[in-house]
Every structure is written in structure tokens, then in C-alpha cells.
C-alpha atoms as a PDB file:
ATOM      1  CA  MET A   1      12.656   1.168 -25.746  1.00  0.00           C
ATOM      2  CA  ALA A   2       9.674   3.474 -26.812  1.00  0.00           C
ATOM      3  CA  ALA A   3       8.231   3.172 -23.065  1.00  0.00           C
ATOM      4  CA  ALA A   4      11.645   3.917 -21.549  1.00  0.00           C
ATOM      5  CA  ALA A   5      11.908   6.831 -23.995  1.00  0.00           C
ATOM      6  CA  ALA A   6       8.481   8.082 -23.042  1.00  0.00           C
ATOM      7  CA  VAL A   7       9.238   8.068 -19.374  1.00  0.00           C
ATOM      8  CA  ALA A   8      12.487   9.876 -19.858  1.00  0.00           C
ATOM      9  CA  SER A   9      10.912  12.434 -21.768  1.00  0.00           C
ATOM     10  CA  MET A  10       8.136  12.896 -18.996  1.00  0.00           C
ATOM     11  CA  ALA A  11      10.784  13.224 -16.439  1.00  0.00           C
ATOM     12  CA  ARG A  12      12.795  15.589 -18.374  1.00  0.00           C
ATOM     13  CA  THR A  13       9.760  17.965 -19.560  1.00  0.00           C
ATOM     14  CA  GLY A  14       7.463  17.550 -16.668  1.00  0.00           C
ATOM     15  CA  ALA A  15       4.715  16.445 -19.218  1.00  0.00           C
ATOM     16  CA  LYS A  16       2.815  15.197 -16.273  1.00  0.00           C
ATOM     17  CA  SER A  17       2.685  18.080 -13.769  1.00  0.00           C
ATOM     18  CA  SER A  18       1.886  17.923 -10.214  1.00  0.00           C
ATOM     19  CA  LYS A  19      -1.582  19.393 -11.060  1.00  0.00           C
ATOM     20  CA  THR A  20      -2.174  16.327 -13.183  1.00  0.00           C
ATOM     21  CA  TRP A  21      -1.305  14.109 -10.477  1.00  0.00           C
ATOM     22  CA  ALA A  22      -3.166  15.982  -7.973  1.00  0.00           C
ATOM     23  CA  ALA A  23      -6.166  15.894 -10.287  1.00  0.00           C
ATOM     24  CA  GLY A  24      -5.780  12.144 -10.475  1.00  0.00           C
ATOM     25  CA  LEU A  25      -5.897  11.802  -6.682  1.00  0.00           C
ATOM     26  CA  ALA A  26      -8.776  13.939  -6.571  1.00  0.00           C
ATOM     27  CA  GLY A  27     -10.662  11.938  -8.980  1.00  0.00           C
ATOM     28  CA  LEU A  28      -9.939   8.753  -7.300  1.00  0.00           C
ATOM     29  CA  ALA A  29     -10.924  10.174  -3.926  1.00  0.00           C
ATOM     30  CA  ARG A  30     -14.388  11.317  -5.536  1.00  0.00           C
ATOM     31  CA  ALA A  31     -14.826   8.074  -7.175  1.00  0.00           C
ATOM     32  CA  CYS A  32     -13.938   5.666  -4.276  1.00  0.00           C
ATOM     33  CA  GLY A  33     -14.421   7.769  -1.357  1.00  0.00           C
ATOM     34  CA  ALA A  34     -11.822   8.707   1.374  1.00  0.00           C
ATOM     35  CA  GLY A  35      -9.001   6.300   1.487  1.00  0.00           C
ATOM     36  CA  ARG A  36      -7.959   7.371   4.973  1.00  0.00           C
ATOM     37  CA  ARG A  37      -9.307   8.032   8.492  1.00  0.00           C
ATOM     38  CA  PRO A  38      -7.955   9.904  11.482  1.00  0.00           C
ATOM     39  CA  ASP A  39      -5.132   7.800  13.202  1.00  0.00           C
ATOM     40  CA  ARG A  40      -6.831   6.856  16.532  1.00  0.00           C
ATOM     41  CA  ARG A  41      -4.824   3.577  17.059  1.00  0.00           C
ATOM     42  CA  ASP A  42      -1.855   2.822  19.181  1.00  0.00           C
ATOM     43  CA  ARG A  43       1.734   2.534  17.879  1.00  0.00           C
ATOM     44  CA  LEU A  44       1.794  -1.224  17.507  1.00  0.00           C
ATOM     45  CA  ASP A  45      -1.830  -1.148  15.787  1.00  0.00           C
ATOM     46  CA  MET A  46      -0.588   1.443  13.353  1.00  0.00           C
ATOM     47  CA  VAL A  47       2.481  -0.737  12.342  1.00  0.00           C
ATOM     48  CA  ILE A  48       0.169  -3.655  11.931  1.00  0.00           C
ATOM     49  CA  LEU A  49      -2.287  -1.581   9.907  1.00  0.00           C
ATOM     50  CA  ALA A  50       0.421  -0.626   7.476  1.00  0.00           C
ATOM     51  CA  VAL A  51       1.608  -4.168   7.116  1.00  0.00           C
ATOM     52  CA  LEU A  52      -1.979  -5.108   6.111  1.00  0.00           C
ATOM     53  CA  ALA A  53      -2.373  -2.071   3.897  1.00  0.00           C
ATOM     54  CA  SER A  54       0.446  -3.000   1.720  1.00  0.00           C
ATOM     55  CA  GLY A  55      -0.917  -3.773  -1.585  1.00  0.00           C
ATOM     56  CA  ARG A  56      -4.517  -3.512  -0.413  1.00  0.00           C
ATOM     57  CA  GLY A  57      -5.172   0.074   0.968  1.00  0.00           C
ATOM     58  CA  GLU A  58      -5.933   1.435   4.373  1.00  0.00           C
ATOM     59  CA  ARG A  59      -9.859   1.045   4.341  1.00  0.00           C
ATOM     60  CA  THR A  60      -9.576  -2.770   3.852  1.00  0.00           C
ATOM     61  CA  ALA A  61      -6.555  -2.832   6.279  1.00  0.00           C
ATOM     62  CA  ASN A  62      -8.666  -1.196   8.884  1.00  0.00           C
ATOM     63  CA  ARG A  63     -11.548  -3.500   8.370  1.00  0.00           C
ATOM     64  CA  TRP A  64      -9.206  -6.530   8.706  1.00  0.00           C
ATOM     65  CA  LEU A  65      -7.536  -5.085  11.948  1.00  0.00           C
ATOM     66  CA  ASP A  66     -10.849  -4.621  13.487  1.00  0.00           C
ATOM     67  CA  ALA A  67     -11.868  -8.044  12.672  1.00  0.00           C
ATOM     68  CA  LEU A  68      -8.750  -9.454  14.109  1.00  0.00           C
ATOM     69  CA  SER A  69      -8.896  -7.371  17.227  1.00  0.00           C
ATOM     70  CA  ARG A  70     -12.429  -8.675  18.130  1.00  0.00           C
ATOM     71  CA  ARG A  71     -11.413 -12.298  17.660  1.00  0.00           C
ATOM     72  CA  PHE A  72      -8.124 -12.416  19.434  1.00  0.00           C
ATOM     73  CA  VAL A  73      -6.801 -11.272  22.793  1.00  0.00           C
ATOM     74  CA  ASP A  74      -3.650  -9.581  21.534  1.00  0.00           C
ATOM     75  CA  TRP A  75      -1.169  -9.696  18.671  1.00  0.00           C
ATOM     76  CA  ASN A  76       0.941 -12.283  20.381  1.00  0.00           C
ATOM     77  CA  GLU A  77      -2.085 -14.658  20.176  1.00  0.00           C
ATOM     78  CA  VAL A  78      -2.136 -13.776  16.514  1.00  0.00           C
ATOM     79  CA  ARG A  79       1.515 -14.427  16.229  1.00  0.00           C
ATOM     80  CA  VAL A  80       1.408 -17.788  17.405  1.00  0.00           C
ATOM     81  CA  ALA A  81      -1.978 -19.109  16.140  1.00  0.00           C
ATOM     82  CA  ARG A  82      -2.234 -21.727  13.351  1.00  0.00           C
ATOM     83  CA  THR A  83      -2.856 -20.147   9.900  1.00  0.00           C
ATOM     84  CA  ARG A  84      -5.752 -22.426   9.650  1.00  0.00           C
ATOM     85  CA  ASP A  85      -7.147 -20.927  12.804  1.00  0.00           C
ATOM     86  CA  LEU A  86      -6.678 -17.509  11.737  1.00  0.00           C
ATOM     87  CA  THR A  87      -8.394 -17.960   8.324  1.00  0.00           C
ATOM     88  CA  CYS A  88     -11.501 -19.778  10.210  1.00  0.00           C
ATOM     89  CA  ALA A  89     -11.757 -16.678  12.687  1.00  0.00           C
ATOM     90  CA  VAL A  90     -11.301 -13.950  10.045  1.00  0.00           C
ATOM     91  CA  SER A  91     -12.392 -15.547   6.962  1.00  0.00           C
ATOM     92  CA  ASP A  92     -12.611 -12.340   4.915  1.00  0.00           C
ATOM     93  CA  VAL A  93      -8.798 -11.843   5.175  1.00  0.00           C
ATOM     94  CA  PRO A  94      -6.865 -13.733   2.468  1.00  0.00           C
ATOM     95  CA  ALA A  95      -4.418 -16.442   3.997  1.00  0.00           C
ATOM     96  CA  GLU A  96      -1.458 -14.653   2.308  1.00  0.00           C
ATOM     97  CA  ASN A  97      -2.206 -11.564   4.099  1.00  0.00           C
ATOM     98  CA  LEU A  98      -2.473 -13.367   7.448  1.00  0.00           C
ATOM     99  CA  VAL A  99       0.860 -15.277   6.582  1.00  0.00           C
ATOM    100  CA  LYS A 100       2.458 -11.890   5.932  1.00  0.00           C
ATOM    101  CA  LEU A 101       1.293 -10.422   9.169  1.00  0.00           C
ATOM    102  CA  GLN A 102       2.338 -13.443  11.255  1.00  0.00           C
ATOM    103  CA  THR A 103       5.990 -13.229   9.563  1.00  0.00           C
ATOM    104  CA  PHE A 104       6.130  -9.669  10.502  1.00  0.00           C
ATOM    105  CA  LEU A 105       5.037 -10.330  14.072  1.00  0.00           C
ATOM    106  CA  GLN A 106       7.423 -13.295  14.385  1.00  0.00           C
ATOM    107  CA  GLY A 107      10.287 -11.305  12.961  1.00  0.00           C
ATOM    108  CA  MET A 108       9.762  -8.466  15.518  1.00  0.00           C
ATOM    109  CA  TYR A 109       9.373 -10.700  18.345  1.00  0.00           C
ATOM    110  CA  GLU A 110      12.745 -12.384  17.481  1.00  0.00           C
ATOM    111  CA  GLN A 111      14.468  -9.096  17.072  1.00  0.00           C
ATOM    112  CA  VAL A 112      13.267  -7.386  20.172  1.00  0.00           C
ATOM    113  CA  GLY A 113      12.054 -10.253  22.259  1.00  0.00           C
ATOM    114  CA  GLY A 114       8.482  -9.135  22.124  1.00  0.00           C
ATOM    115  CA  LEU A 115       6.025  -6.979  20.284  1.00  0.00           C
ATOM    116  CA  ASP A 116       7.322  -3.645  21.452  1.00  0.00           C
ATOM    117  CA  VAL A 117       7.540  -1.057  18.540  1.00  0.00           C
ATOM    118  CA  THR A 118       8.672   1.947  20.913  1.00  0.00           C
ATOM    119  CA  ALA A 119      12.333   1.705  19.313  1.00  0.00           C
ATOM    120  CA  LEU A 120      11.071   1.506  15.930  1.00  0.00           C
ATOM    121  CA  VAL A 121       8.666   4.497  15.974  1.00  0.00           C
ATOM    122  CA  SER A 122      11.540   6.613  17.378  1.00  0.00           C
ATOM    123  CA  MET A 123      14.179   5.643  14.682  1.00  0.00           C
ATOM    124  CA  LYS A 124      15.014   7.719  11.583  1.00  0.00           C
ATOM    125  CA  PRO A 125      13.555   6.619   8.375  1.00  0.00           C
ATOM    126  CA  SER A 126      16.851   5.147   7.272  1.00  0.00           C
ATOM    127  CA  GLU A 127      17.277   3.309  10.491  1.00  0.00           C
ATOM    128  CA  ALA A 128      13.576   1.966  10.578  1.00  0.00           C
ATOM    129  CA  ARG A 129      14.146   0.922   6.952  1.00  0.00           C
ATOM    130  CA  SER A 130      17.245  -1.207   7.843  1.00  0.00           C
ATOM    131  CA  TRP A 131      15.545  -2.568  11.050  1.00  0.00           C
ATOM    132  CA  LEU A 132      12.415  -3.777   8.990  1.00  0.00           C
ATOM    133  CA  GLY A 133      14.582  -5.028   6.193  1.00  0.00           C
ATOM    134  CA  ARG A 134      16.114  -7.539   8.777  1.00  0.00           C
ATOM    135  CA  ILE A 135      12.804  -9.293   9.145  1.00  0.00           C
ATOM    136  CA  GLU A 136      13.043 -12.246   6.854  1.00  0.00           C
ATOM    137  CA  GLY A 137      10.036 -12.527   4.361  1.00  0.00           C
ATOM    138  CA  LEU A 138       8.745  -8.943   4.823  1.00  0.00           C
ATOM    139  CA  GLU A 139       8.904  -7.681   1.255  1.00  0.00           C
ATOM    140  CA  ARG A 140      10.039  -4.120   0.532  1.00  0.00           C
ATOM    141  CA  GLU A 141       6.615  -2.710  -0.334  1.00  0.00           C
ATOM    142  CA  ALA A 142       5.375  -3.667   3.216  1.00  0.00           C
ATOM    143  CA  VAL A 143       8.636  -2.033   4.665  1.00  0.00           C
ATOM    144  CA  GLU A 144       8.001   1.279   2.863  1.00  0.00           C
ATOM    145  CA  ALA A 145       4.233   1.103   3.851  1.00  0.00           C
ATOM    146  CA  VAL A 146       5.130   0.964   7.598  1.00  0.00           C
ATOM    147  CA  LEU A 147       7.542   4.034   6.956  1.00  0.00           C
ATOM    148  CA  LEU A 148       4.809   5.852   5.159  1.00  0.00           C
ATOM    149  CA  ILE A 149       1.511   4.950   7.188  1.00  0.00           C
ATOM    150  CA  ALA A 150       3.035   4.141  10.840  1.00  0.00           C
ATOM    151  CA  LEU A 151       5.947   6.427  11.031  1.00  0.00           C
ATOM    152  CA  GLY A 152       5.119   9.307   8.665  1.00  0.00           C
ATOM    153  CA  ALA A 153       8.025   9.306   6.489  1.00  0.00           C
ATOM    154  CA  PRO A 154       7.810  10.839   3.160  1.00  0.00           C
ATOM    155  CA  THR A 155       8.324   7.613   1.084  1.00  0.00           C
ATOM    156  CA  LEU A 156       6.025   6.310  -1.699  1.00  0.00           C
ATOM    157  CA  PRO A 157       5.936   2.374  -1.699  1.00  0.00           C
ATOM    158  CA  ALA A 158       6.633   1.039  -5.308  1.00  0.00           C
ATOM    159  CA  GLY A 159       3.714  -1.573  -5.462  1.00  0.00           C
ATOM    160  CA  GLU A 160       2.459  -3.118  -8.483  1.00  0.00           C
ATOM    161  CA  GLY A 161      -0.886  -1.920  -7.947  1.00  0.00           C
ATOM    162  CA  LEU A 162       0.070   1.799  -7.879  1.00  0.00           C
ATOM    163  CA  ALA A 163       1.878   1.187 -11.091  1.00  0.00           C
ATOM    164  CA  ARG A 164      -1.055  -0.457 -12.785  1.00  0.00           C
ATOM    165  CA  VAL A 165      -3.643   2.176 -11.602  1.00  0.00           C
ATOM    166  CA  SER A 166      -1.098   5.034 -12.708  1.00  0.00           C
ATOM    167  CA  ARG A 167      -1.017   3.587 -16.032  1.00  0.00           C
ATOM    168  CA  ARG A 168      -4.636   3.070 -16.667  1.00  0.00           C
ATOM    169  CA  LEU A 169      -5.492   6.559 -15.525  1.00  0.00           C
ATOM    170  CA  GLY A 170      -2.966   7.747 -18.044  1.00  0.00           C
ATOM    171  CA  LEU A 171      -0.678   9.430 -15.475  1.00  0.00           C
ATOM    172  CA  VAL A 172       2.383   7.278 -16.700  1.00  0.00           C
ATOM    173  CA  PRO A 173       2.984   5.924 -20.046  1.00  0.00           C
ATOM    174  CA  ARG A 174       1.078   2.676 -20.872  1.00  0.00           C
ATOM    175  CA  LYS A 175       4.049   0.299 -20.883  1.00  0.00           C
ATOM    176  CA  ALA A 176       5.958   1.962 -17.961  1.00  0.00           C
ATOM    177  CA  SER A 177       7.586  -0.410 -15.807  1.00  0.00           C
ATOM    178  CA  ARG A 178       6.850  -0.663 -12.031  1.00  0.00           C
ATOM    179  CA  ALA A 179       9.907   1.262 -11.296  1.00  0.00           C
ATOM    180  CA  GLU A 180       9.472   3.862 -13.932  1.00  0.00           C
ATOM    181  CA  ALA A 181       5.617   4.490 -12.787  1.00  0.00           C
ATOM    182  CA  HIS A 182       7.023   4.770  -9.184  1.00  0.00           C
ATOM    183  CA  LYS A 183       9.703   7.238 -10.115  1.00  0.00           C
ATOM    184  CA  LEU A 184       7.102   9.431 -11.982  1.00  0.00           C
ATOM    185  CA  ALA A 185       4.499   9.128  -9.107  1.00  0.00           C
ATOM    186  CA  ALA A 186       7.031  10.053  -6.527  1.00  0.00           C
ATOM    187  CA  LYS A 187       7.975  13.178  -8.611  1.00  0.00           C
ATOM    188  CA  GLY A 188       4.515  14.302  -9.588  1.00  0.00           C
ATOM    189  CA  LEU A 189       2.803  13.791  -6.245  1.00  0.00           C
ATOM    190  CA  ALA A 190       3.175  16.169  -3.299  1.00  0.00           C
ATOM    191  CA  GLU A 191       4.856  14.142  -0.336  1.00  0.00           C
ATOM    192  CA  ASP A 192       1.632  15.008   1.613  1.00  0.00           C
ATOM    193  CA  ASP A 193      -0.407  13.127  -0.906  1.00  0.00           C
ATOM    194  CA  TYR A 194       1.738   9.859  -1.075  1.00  0.00           C
ATOM    195  CA  ARG A 195      -0.362   8.097   1.542  1.00  0.00           C
ATOM    196  CA  ALA A 196      -3.560   8.895   0.136  1.00  0.00           C
ATOM    197  CA  PHE A 197      -2.669   8.037  -3.405  1.00  0.00           C
ATOM    198  CA  TYR A 198      -0.813   4.909  -2.514  1.00  0.00           C
ATOM    199  CA  SER A 199      -3.973   3.873  -0.419  1.00  0.00           C
ATOM    200  CA  LEU A 200      -6.418   4.525  -2.926  1.00  0.00           C
ATOM    201  CA  ALA A 201      -4.432   2.938  -5.701  1.00  0.00           C
ATOM    202  CA  SER A 202      -3.610  -0.185  -3.791  1.00  0.00           C
ATOM    203  CA  GLU A 203      -7.424  -0.672  -3.038  1.00  0.00           C
ATOM    204  CA  GLN A 204      -8.342  -0.043  -6.774  1.00  0.00           C
ATOM    205  CA  ALA A 205      -5.933  -2.323  -8.022  1.00  0.00           C
ATOM    206  CA  ALA A 206      -6.879  -5.250  -5.373  1.00  0.00           C
ATOM    207  CA  GLY A 207     -10.541  -4.556  -6.378  1.00  0.00           C
ATOM    208  CA  PRO A 208     -11.984  -3.867  -9.914  1.00  0.00           C
ATOM    209  CA  CYS A 209      -8.512  -2.756 -11.331  1.00  0.00           C
ATOM    210  CA  ARG A 210      -6.976  -6.218 -11.101  1.00  0.00           C
ATOM    211  CA  GLU A 211      -4.192  -7.217 -13.807  1.00  0.00           C
ATOM    212  CA  ASP A 212      -6.384 -10.046 -15.409  1.00  0.00           C
ATOM    213  CA  LYS A 213      -9.873  -9.250 -16.650  1.00  0.00           C
ATOM    214  CA  PRO A 214     -10.510  -6.079 -14.688  1.00  0.00           C
ATOM    215  CA  ASP A 215     -14.248  -5.493 -13.590  1.00  0.00           C
ATOM    216  CA  CYS A 216     -14.618  -2.327 -15.418  1.00  0.00           C
ATOM    217  CA  PRO A 217     -18.656  -2.416 -15.222  1.00  0.00           C
ATOM    218  CA  ARG A 218     -18.460  -2.324 -11.365  1.00  0.00           C
ATOM    219  CA  CYS A 219     -15.436   0.284 -11.307  1.00  0.00           C
ATOM    220  CA  ARG A 220     -16.470   3.525  -9.495  1.00  0.00           C
ATOM    221  CA  ALA A 221     -13.373   5.190 -11.126  1.00  0.00           C
ATOM    222  CA  ARG A 222     -14.166   3.939 -14.766  1.00  0.00           C
ATOM    223  CA  THR A 223     -14.667   7.384 -16.049  1.00  0.00           C
ATOM    224  CA  LEU A 224     -11.101   8.250 -15.264  1.00  0.00           C
ATOM    225  CA  CYS A 225      -9.693   5.292 -16.757  1.00  0.00           C
ATOM    226  CA  LYS A 226      -7.911   5.485 -20.167  1.00  0.00           C
ATOM    227  CA  SER A 227      -7.682   1.745 -20.751  1.00  0.00           C
ATOM    228  CA  LYS A 228     -11.169   1.056 -21.512  1.00  0.00           C
ATOM    229  CA  GLY A 229     -10.627  -2.431 -20.281  1.00  0.00           C
ATOM    230  CA  LYS A 230      -8.098  -3.251 -22.897  1.00  0.00           C
ATOM    231  CA  TRP A 231      -4.960  -3.450 -20.944  1.00  0.00           C
END
């Protein structure tokens, strides 16, 4: 109850202003480096990048996408490959992320009879959200990541990583739920900053700022952290 009251109070009073969130983003960018590079990929690659970036960050996703592109002829080959063969070919990509990618590719193939995203990228955000939501096994965070990263929609994926990093940086109350943290982040950040913050926070959460036993000594953003490794 106390956490909910604190979140409600912050929402009413604007205790964590847009300047505070902007400072948090700037601090992460300084500590971790740029979390985004110019988009020079084709449409399908950008959609796949977004799926891989869900919960991991774009820098990691770009590295994984490049590794997959070097080892497979095309994305259809990735779609039909055995997971065991994929993990052997790109051992640095966790198996669960490869399964998520194959789930997406197979779902898209079944919907349009191929891997053509021309229709998807031309949809309005609401239409694209509905279309992606019909792919069985594609979680909501990945759907929103595609909208944000590949389609440029002003949406902020409600990932647990984003919530955890926001809590530990003191941007939201310590006991704020994932939904509460997401609501405050969406309100505090400028829409143009959604992508950068989501990517940096996801990368940070998947690395040193993990839920259990965070690796604080090796964390480059530790000077920004309010938790001191106690959360």
C-alpha cells in the first residue's frame, strides 16, 4: 500500500520531473555508452533486431543479428533450423532468445505466407499491435519493442528490466510494481527518449543489474545507483 501511495503521489505532484528522467538517461548513456546506432538495415532486419532487443538492448541485439547474418543464408533458414543447430552456430545468443526469434519468424510466415514485413511497417501502431499480437508465443514486451524500434511508434515497452533499473536509479519508488514503474517512466521521459532509455535499461538489467546478486563492482553505472547492491 505504501508503494502504491508513493507512486500515486509522484504521479500527482510530478516529484520526478522530466528533467530528472532526462538526467537519468544522460547518466546511463555516459556510463554505458551509446545504446543505439543509425538504422542502416532493411525493414525485415529492423523488425528482427527489435525482437532480439526485447529485454536485452539494441547493442546486444545488433551483435546477435550480425552473428546470425554471417552464419545463415537468410531468415527463412533461421526459421526452419533446429534450435540445437542455431545454438551451435551462434553460441553467444541464449537459446531462449533464439526460440523467441524462431517463434516470431514462424508466426509471421504463417500469417502472410512468407517473411515479408511490407504490410506490417505500413500499418498504424494500433493495427501493427493487433497484427503482432496474433503471433502465438510473442510476449507483449517484444510486440511493443517492434513498434518502438522498427516502426518508430511512441511506445515504451513495459519490461521488468526497465522497471528494475528505474527503481535502482531512484527514478521510481523502491517497491513500485512493474506497471507502476512503466507508467511513471512513460510520463517522465520525452517520447523521443523512449527508445534510448529502454535499450540502455534493458542492457543494464540483462548484465550487471540482474535481479539476484547484481554485479555491482563491475557495473559502470554504479555511481548513479541508489540501491548499493541491497535490493
